[in-house]
Amino acid sequence: MSLWNPNIGDADSDIHDYLEELRARSRDLAVGGAIVAGAHKTMRTNVVGTGLRLKPAFDKDF
């Protein structure tokens, strides 16, 4: 741990400085990583569910 000296900066500069590398790693994990693929599938199922449904609510006074 003595050689571990992370830079202190804001999130925007950290992301923009390494954007290409982060994108490449993310794609590689999404395609080849079973854990990430499972997480994406779980999130897609739980967030979107069976789809969006219209539930109109009319304001009769308006």
PDB file of N, CA and C in Angstrom:
ATOM      1  N   MET A   1       0.816  -1.197   0.000  1.00  0.00           N
ATOM      2  CA  MET A   1       0.000   0.000   0.000  1.00  0.00           C
ATOM      3  C   MET A   1       0.864   1.267   0.000  1.00  0.00           C
ATOM      4  N   SER A   2       2.138   1.137   0.286  1.00  0.00           N
ATOM      5  CA  SER A   2       2.978   2.327   0.351  1.00  0.00           C
ATOM      6  C   SER A   2       3.170   2.970  -1.013  1.00  0.00           C
ATOM      7  N   LEU A   3       3.030   2.195  -2.094  1.00  0.00           N
ATOM      8  CA  LEU A   3       3.190   2.748  -3.442  1.00  0.00           C
ATOM      9  C   LEU A   3       1.871   3.232  -4.040  1.00  0.00           C
ATOM     10  N   TRP A   4       0.803   3.073  -3.308  1.00  0.00           N
ATOM     11  CA  TRP A   4      -0.509   3.473  -3.804  1.00  0.00           C
ATOM     12  C   TRP A   4      -0.772   4.920  -3.425  1.00  0.00           C
ATOM     13  N   ASN A   5      -0.639   5.799  -4.397  1.00  0.00           N
ATOM     14  CA  ASN A   5      -0.833   7.223  -4.181  1.00  0.00           C
ATOM     15  C   ASN A   5      -1.814   7.761  -5.223  1.00  0.00           C
ATOM     16  N   PRO A   6      -3.102   7.617  -4.992  1.00  0.00           N
ATOM     17  CA  PRO A   6      -4.066   8.088  -5.985  1.00  0.00           C
ATOM     18  C   PRO A   6      -4.091   9.613  -6.055  1.00  0.00           C
ATOM     19  N   ASN A   7      -4.391  10.110  -7.256  1.00  0.00           N
ATOM     20  CA  ASN A   7      -4.522  11.553  -7.432  1.00  0.00           C
ATOM     21  C   ASN A   7      -5.824  12.022  -6.799  1.00  0.00           C
ATOM     22  N   ILE A   8      -5.790  13.205  -6.277  1.00  0.00           N
ATOM     23  CA  ILE A   8      -6.996  13.788  -5.715  1.00  0.00           C
ATOM     24  C   ILE A   8      -7.516  14.800  -6.717  1.00  0.00           C
ATOM     25  N   GLY A   9      -8.686  14.552  -7.234  1.00  0.00           N
ATOM     26  CA  GLY A   9      -9.293  15.448  -8.205  1.00  0.00           C
ATOM     27  C   GLY A   9     -10.789  15.256  -8.194  1.00  0.00           C
ATOM     28  N   ASP A  10     -11.444  16.053  -9.006  1.00  0.00           N
ATOM     29  CA  ASP A  10     -12.891  15.895  -9.067  1.00  0.00           C
ATOM     30  C   ASP A  10     -13.255  14.789 -10.056  1.00  0.00           C
ATOM     31  N   ALA A  11     -14.463  14.331  -9.971  1.00  0.00           N
ATOM     32  CA  ALA A  11     -14.906  13.196 -10.786  1.00  0.00           C
ATOM     33  C   ALA A  11     -14.861  13.521 -12.274  1.00  0.00           C
ATOM     34  N   ASP A  12     -15.229  14.736 -12.646  1.00  0.00           N
ATOM     35  CA  ASP A  12     -15.229  15.107 -14.061  1.00  0.00           C
ATOM     36  C   ASP A  12     -13.841  14.992 -14.680  1.00  0.00           C
ATOM     37  N   SER A  13     -12.834  15.498 -13.995  1.00  0.00           N
ATOM     38  CA  SER A  13     -11.479  15.428 -14.557  1.00  0.00           C
ATOM     39  C   SER A  13     -10.983  13.988 -14.602  1.00  0.00           C
ATOM     40  N   ASP A  14     -11.327  13.186 -13.600  1.00  0.00           N
ATOM     41  CA  ASP A  14     -10.924  11.779 -13.611  1.00  0.00           C
ATOM     42  C   ASP A  14     -11.562  11.036 -14.776  1.00  0.00           C
ATOM     43  N   ILE A  15     -12.821  11.293 -15.029  1.00  0.00           N
ATOM     44  CA  ILE A  15     -13.519  10.613 -16.123  1.00  0.00           C
ATOM     45  C   ILE A  15     -13.004  11.087 -17.468  1.00  0.00           C
ATOM     46  N   HIS A  16     -12.875  12.390 -17.654  1.00  0.00           N
ATOM     47  CA  HIS A  16     -12.462  12.916 -18.955  1.00  0.00           C
ATOM     48  C   HIS A  16     -11.025  12.550 -19.296  1.00  0.00           C
ATOM     49  N   ASP A  17     -10.160  12.459 -18.309  1.00  0.00           N
ATOM     50  CA  ASP A  17      -8.768  12.096 -18.573  1.00  0.00           C
ATOM     51  C   ASP A  17      -8.631  10.661 -19.056  1.00  0.00           C
ATOM     52  N   TYR A  18      -9.502   9.775 -18.615  1.00  0.00           N
ATOM     53  CA  TYR A  18      -9.397   8.355 -18.935  1.00  0.00           C
ATOM     54  C   TYR A  18     -10.636   7.827 -19.650  1.00  0.00           C
ATOM     55  N   LEU A  19     -11.335   8.690 -20.382  1.00  0.00           N
ATOM     56  CA  LEU A  19     -12.613   8.334 -20.973  1.00  0.00           C
ATOM     57  C   LEU A  19     -12.507   7.166 -21.952  1.00  0.00           C
ATOM     58  N   GLU A  20     -11.535   7.193 -22.858  1.00  0.00           N
ATOM     59  CA  GLU A  20     -11.404   6.112 -23.838  1.00  0.00           C
ATOM     60  C   GLU A  20     -11.110   4.779 -23.162  1.00  0.00           C
ATOM     61  N   GLU A  21     -10.236   4.795 -22.184  1.00  0.00           N
ATOM     62  CA  GLU A  21      -9.890   3.569 -21.468  1.00  0.00           C
ATOM     63  C   GLU A  21     -11.086   3.043 -20.668  1.00  0.00           C
ATOM     64  N   LEU A  22     -11.837   3.934 -20.027  1.00  0.00           N
ATOM     65  CA  LEU A  22     -13.008   3.523 -19.264  1.00  0.00           C
ATOM     66  C   LEU A  22     -14.087   2.932 -20.168  1.00  0.00           C
ATOM     67  N   ARG A  23     -14.291   3.531 -21.348  1.00  0.00           N
ATOM     68  CA  ARG A  23     -15.283   3.001 -22.281  1.00  0.00           C
ATOM     69  C   ARG A  23     -14.894   1.616 -22.770  1.00  0.00           C
ATOM     70  N   ALA A  24     -13.624   1.456 -23.113  1.00  0.00           N
ATOM     71  CA  ALA A  24     -13.155   0.161 -23.603  1.00  0.00           C
ATOM     72  C   ALA A  24     -13.310  -0.916 -22.529  1.00  0.00           C
ATOM     73  N   ARG A  25     -12.956  -0.607 -21.312  1.00  0.00           N
ATOM     74  CA  ARG A  25     -13.083  -1.573 -20.222  1.00  0.00           C
ATOM     75  C   ARG A  25     -14.545  -1.896 -19.933  1.00  0.00           C
ATOM     76  N   SER A  26     -15.404  -0.886 -19.987  1.00  0.00           N
ATOM     77  CA  SER A  26     -16.832  -1.101 -19.743  1.00  0.00           C
ATOM     78  C   SER A  26     -17.436  -2.015 -20.793  1.00  0.00           C
ATOM     79  N   ARG A  27     -17.095  -1.766 -22.071  1.00  0.00           N
ATOM     80  CA  ARG A  27     -17.604  -2.620 -23.141  1.00  0.00           C
ATOM     81  C   ARG A  27     -17.119  -4.052 -22.977  1.00  0.00           C
ATOM     82  N   ASP A  28     -15.847  -4.205 -22.646  1.00  0.00           N
ATOM     83  CA  ASP A  28     -15.284  -5.532 -22.483  1.00  0.00           C
ATOM     84  C   ASP A  28     -15.976  -6.280 -21.354  1.00  0.00           C
ATOM     85  N   LEU A  29     -16.226  -5.612 -20.244  1.00  0.00           N
ATOM     86  CA  LEU A  29     -16.920  -6.253 -19.128  1.00  0.00           C
ATOM     87  C   LEU A  29     -18.369  -6.568 -19.462  1.00  0.00           C
ATOM     88  N   ALA A  30     -19.036  -5.658 -20.167  1.00  0.00           N
ATOM     89  CA  ALA A  30     -20.435  -5.879 -20.502  1.00  0.00           C
ATOM     90  C   ALA A  30     -20.607  -7.066 -21.433  1.00  0.00           C
ATOM     91  N   VAL A  31     -19.653  -7.261 -22.331  1.00  0.00           N
ATOM     92  CA  VAL A  31     -19.752  -8.354 -23.300  1.00  0.00           C
ATOM     93  C   VAL A  31     -19.219  -9.655 -22.719  1.00  0.00           C
ATOM     94  N   GLY A  32     -18.082  -9.593 -22.035  1.00  0.00           N
ATOM     95  CA  GLY A  32     -17.415 -10.813 -21.617  1.00  0.00           C
ATOM     96  C   GLY A  32     -17.544 -11.180 -20.161  1.00  0.00           C
ATOM     97  N   GLY A  33     -18.090 -10.303 -19.361  1.00  0.00           N
ATOM     98  CA  GLY A  33     -18.175 -10.581 -17.935  1.00  0.00           C
ATOM     99  C   GLY A  33     -19.542 -11.087 -17.528  1.00  0.00           C
ATOM    100  N   ALA A  34     -19.592 -12.275 -16.975  1.00  0.00           N
ATOM    101  CA  ALA A  34     -20.873 -12.858 -16.587  1.00  0.00           C
ATOM    102  C   ALA A  34     -21.542 -12.063 -15.468  1.00  0.00           C
ATOM    103  N   ILE A  35     -20.764 -11.547 -14.549  1.00  0.00           N
ATOM    104  CA  ILE A  35     -21.341 -10.793 -13.432  1.00  0.00           C
ATOM    105  C   ILE A  35     -21.966  -9.493 -13.931  1.00  0.00           C
ATOM    106  N   VAL A  36     -21.257  -8.796 -14.821  1.00  0.00           N
ATOM    107  CA  VAL A  36     -21.783  -7.538 -15.351  1.00  0.00           C
ATOM    108  C   VAL A  36     -22.996  -7.794 -16.228  1.00  0.00           C
ATOM    109  N   ALA A  37     -22.936  -8.831 -17.050  1.00  0.00           N
ATOM    110  CA  ALA A  37     -24.088  -9.161 -17.897  1.00  0.00           C
ATOM    111  C   ALA A  37     -25.303  -9.492 -17.034  1.00  0.00           C
ATOM    112  N   GLY A  38     -25.090 -10.237 -15.959  1.00  0.00           N
ATOM    113  CA  GLY A  38     -26.182 -10.551 -15.047  1.00  0.00           C
ATOM    114  C   GLY A  38     -26.736  -9.314 -14.361  1.00  0.00           C
ATOM    115  N   ALA A  39     -25.840  -8.405 -13.985  1.00  0.00           N
ATOM    116  CA  ALA A  39     -26.291  -7.164 -13.352  1.00  0.00           C
ATOM    117  C   ALA A  39     -27.103  -6.325 -14.320  1.00  0.00           C
ATOM    118  N   HIS A  40     -26.652  -6.238 -15.585  1.00  0.00           N
ATOM    119  CA  HIS A  40     -27.419  -5.493 -16.584  1.00  0.00           C
ATOM    120  C   HIS A  40     -28.791  -6.113 -16.790  1.00  0.00           C
ATOM    121  N   LYS A  41     -28.840  -7.433 -16.868  1.00  0.00           N
ATOM    122  CA  LYS A  41     -30.120  -8.110 -17.073  1.00  0.00           C
ATOM    123  C   LYS A  41     -31.055  -7.890 -15.884  1.00  0.00           C
ATOM    124  N   THR A  42     -30.509  -7.976 -14.673  1.00  0.00           N
ATOM    125  CA  THR A  42     -31.313  -7.757 -13.475  1.00  0.00           C
ATOM    126  C   THR A  42     -31.835  -6.327 -13.426  1.00  0.00           C
ATOM    127  N   MET A  43     -30.963  -5.374 -13.729  1.00  0.00           N
ATOM    128  CA  MET A  43     -31.376  -3.974 -13.690  1.00  0.00           C
ATOM    129  C   MET A  43     -32.429  -3.699 -14.762  1.00  0.00           C
ATOM    130  N   ARG A  44     -32.236  -4.246 -15.942  1.00  0.00           N
ATOM    131  CA  ARG A  44     -33.192  -4.048 -17.030  1.00  0.00           C
ATOM    132  C   ARG A  44     -34.546  -4.642 -16.663  1.00  0.00           C
ATOM    133  N   THR A  45     -34.546  -5.801 -16.026  1.00  0.00           N
ATOM    134  CA  THR A  45     -35.799  -6.450 -15.636  1.00  0.00           C
ATOM    135  C   THR A  45     -36.499  -5.670 -14.529  1.00  0.00           C
ATOM    136  N   ASN A  46     -35.738  -5.231 -13.535  1.00  0.00           N
ATOM    137  CA  ASN A  46     -36.338  -4.558 -12.384  1.00  0.00           C
ATOM    138  C   ASN A  46     -36.714  -3.116 -12.657  1.00  0.00           C
ATOM    139  N   VAL A  47     -35.970  -2.441 -13.509  1.00  0.00           N
ATOM    140  CA  VAL A  47     -36.246  -1.034 -13.754  1.00  0.00           C
ATOM    141  C   VAL A  47     -37.339  -0.870 -14.790  1.00  0.00           C
ATOM    142  N   VAL A  48     -37.221  -1.576 -15.910  1.00  0.00           N
ATOM    143  CA  VAL A  48     -38.184  -1.421 -16.990  1.00  0.00           C
ATOM    144  C   VAL A  48     -39.375  -2.338 -16.788  1.00  0.00           C
ATOM    145  N   GLY A  49     -39.121  -3.531 -16.285  1.00  0.00           N
ATOM    146  CA  GLY A  49     -40.204  -4.483 -16.084  1.00  0.00           C
ATOM    147  C   GLY A  49     -40.781  -4.945 -17.403  1.00  0.00           C
ATOM    148  N   THR A  50     -42.090  -4.975 -17.514  1.00  0.00           N
ATOM    149  CA  THR A  50     -42.735  -5.429 -18.745  1.00  0.00           C
ATOM    150  C   THR A  50     -42.925  -4.299 -19.728  1.00  0.00           C
ATOM    151  N   GLY A  51     -42.555  -3.104 -19.364  1.00  0.00           N
ATOM    152  CA  GLY A  51     -42.689  -1.964 -20.261  1.00  0.00           C
ATOM    153  C   GLY A  51     -43.402  -0.809 -19.588  1.00  0.00           C
ATOM    154  N   LEU A  52     -43.484   0.267 -20.297  1.00  0.00           N
ATOM    155  CA  LEU A  52     -44.157   1.451 -19.787  1.00  0.00           C
ATOM    156  C   LEU A  52     -45.636   1.383 -20.146  1.00  0.00           C
ATOM    157  N   ARG A  53     -46.457   1.802 -19.232  1.00  0.00           N
ATOM    158  CA  ARG A  53     -47.893   1.815 -19.472  1.00  0.00           C
ATOM    159  C   ARG A  53     -48.432   3.212 -19.219  1.00  0.00           C
ATOM    160  N   LEU A  54     -49.331   3.623 -20.059  1.00  0.00           N
ATOM    161  CA  LEU A  54     -49.948   4.923 -19.931  1.00  0.00           C
ATOM    162  C   LEU A  54     -51.031   4.883 -18.858  1.00  0.00           C
ATOM    163  N   LYS A  55     -50.965   5.797 -17.909  1.00  0.00           N
ATOM    164  CA  LYS A  55     -52.005   5.924 -16.886  1.00  0.00           C
ATOM    165  C   LYS A  55     -52.468   7.382 -16.883  1.00  0.00           C
ATOM    166  N   PRO A  56     -53.390   7.720 -17.778  1.00  0.00           N
ATOM    167  CA  PRO A  56     -53.826   9.109 -17.836  1.00  0.00           C
ATOM    168  C   PRO A  56     -54.606   9.511 -16.588  1.00  0.00           C
ATOM    169  N   ALA A  57     -54.363  10.717 -16.146  1.00  0.00           N
ATOM    170  CA  ALA A  57     -55.097  11.279 -15.003  1.00  0.00           C
ATOM    171  C   ALA A  57     -55.578  12.662 -15.424  1.00  0.00           C
ATOM    172  N   PHE A  58     -56.861  12.790 -15.568  1.00  0.00           N
ATOM    173  CA  PHE A  58     -57.437  14.042 -16.028  1.00  0.00           C
ATOM    174  C   PHE A  58     -57.838  14.911 -14.858  1.00  0.00           C
ATOM    175  N   ASP A  59     -57.561  16.187 -14.986  1.00  0.00           N
ATOM    176  CA  ASP A  59     -57.973  17.144 -13.982  1.00  0.00           C
ATOM    177  C   ASP A  59     -59.280  17.762 -14.458  1.00  0.00           C
ATOM    178  N   LYS A  60     -60.386  17.366 -13.892  1.00  0.00           N
ATOM    179  CA  LYS A  60     -61.692  17.814 -14.381  1.00  0.00           C
ATOM    180  C   LYS A  60     -61.891  19.314 -14.169  1.00  0.00           C
ATOM    181  N   ASP A  61     -61.251  19.885 -13.139  1.00  0.00           N
ATOM    182  CA  ASP A  61     -61.401  21.325 -12.905  1.00  0.00           C
ATOM    183  C   ASP A  61     -60.660  22.146 -13.954  1.00  0.00           C
ATOM    184  N   PHE A  62     -59.579  21.633 -14.482  1.00  0.00           N
ATOM    185  CA  PHE A  62     -58.795  22.358 -15.481  1.00  0.00           C
ATOM    186  C   PHE A  62     -59.570  22.425 -16.782  1.00  0.00           C
TER     187      PHE A  62
END
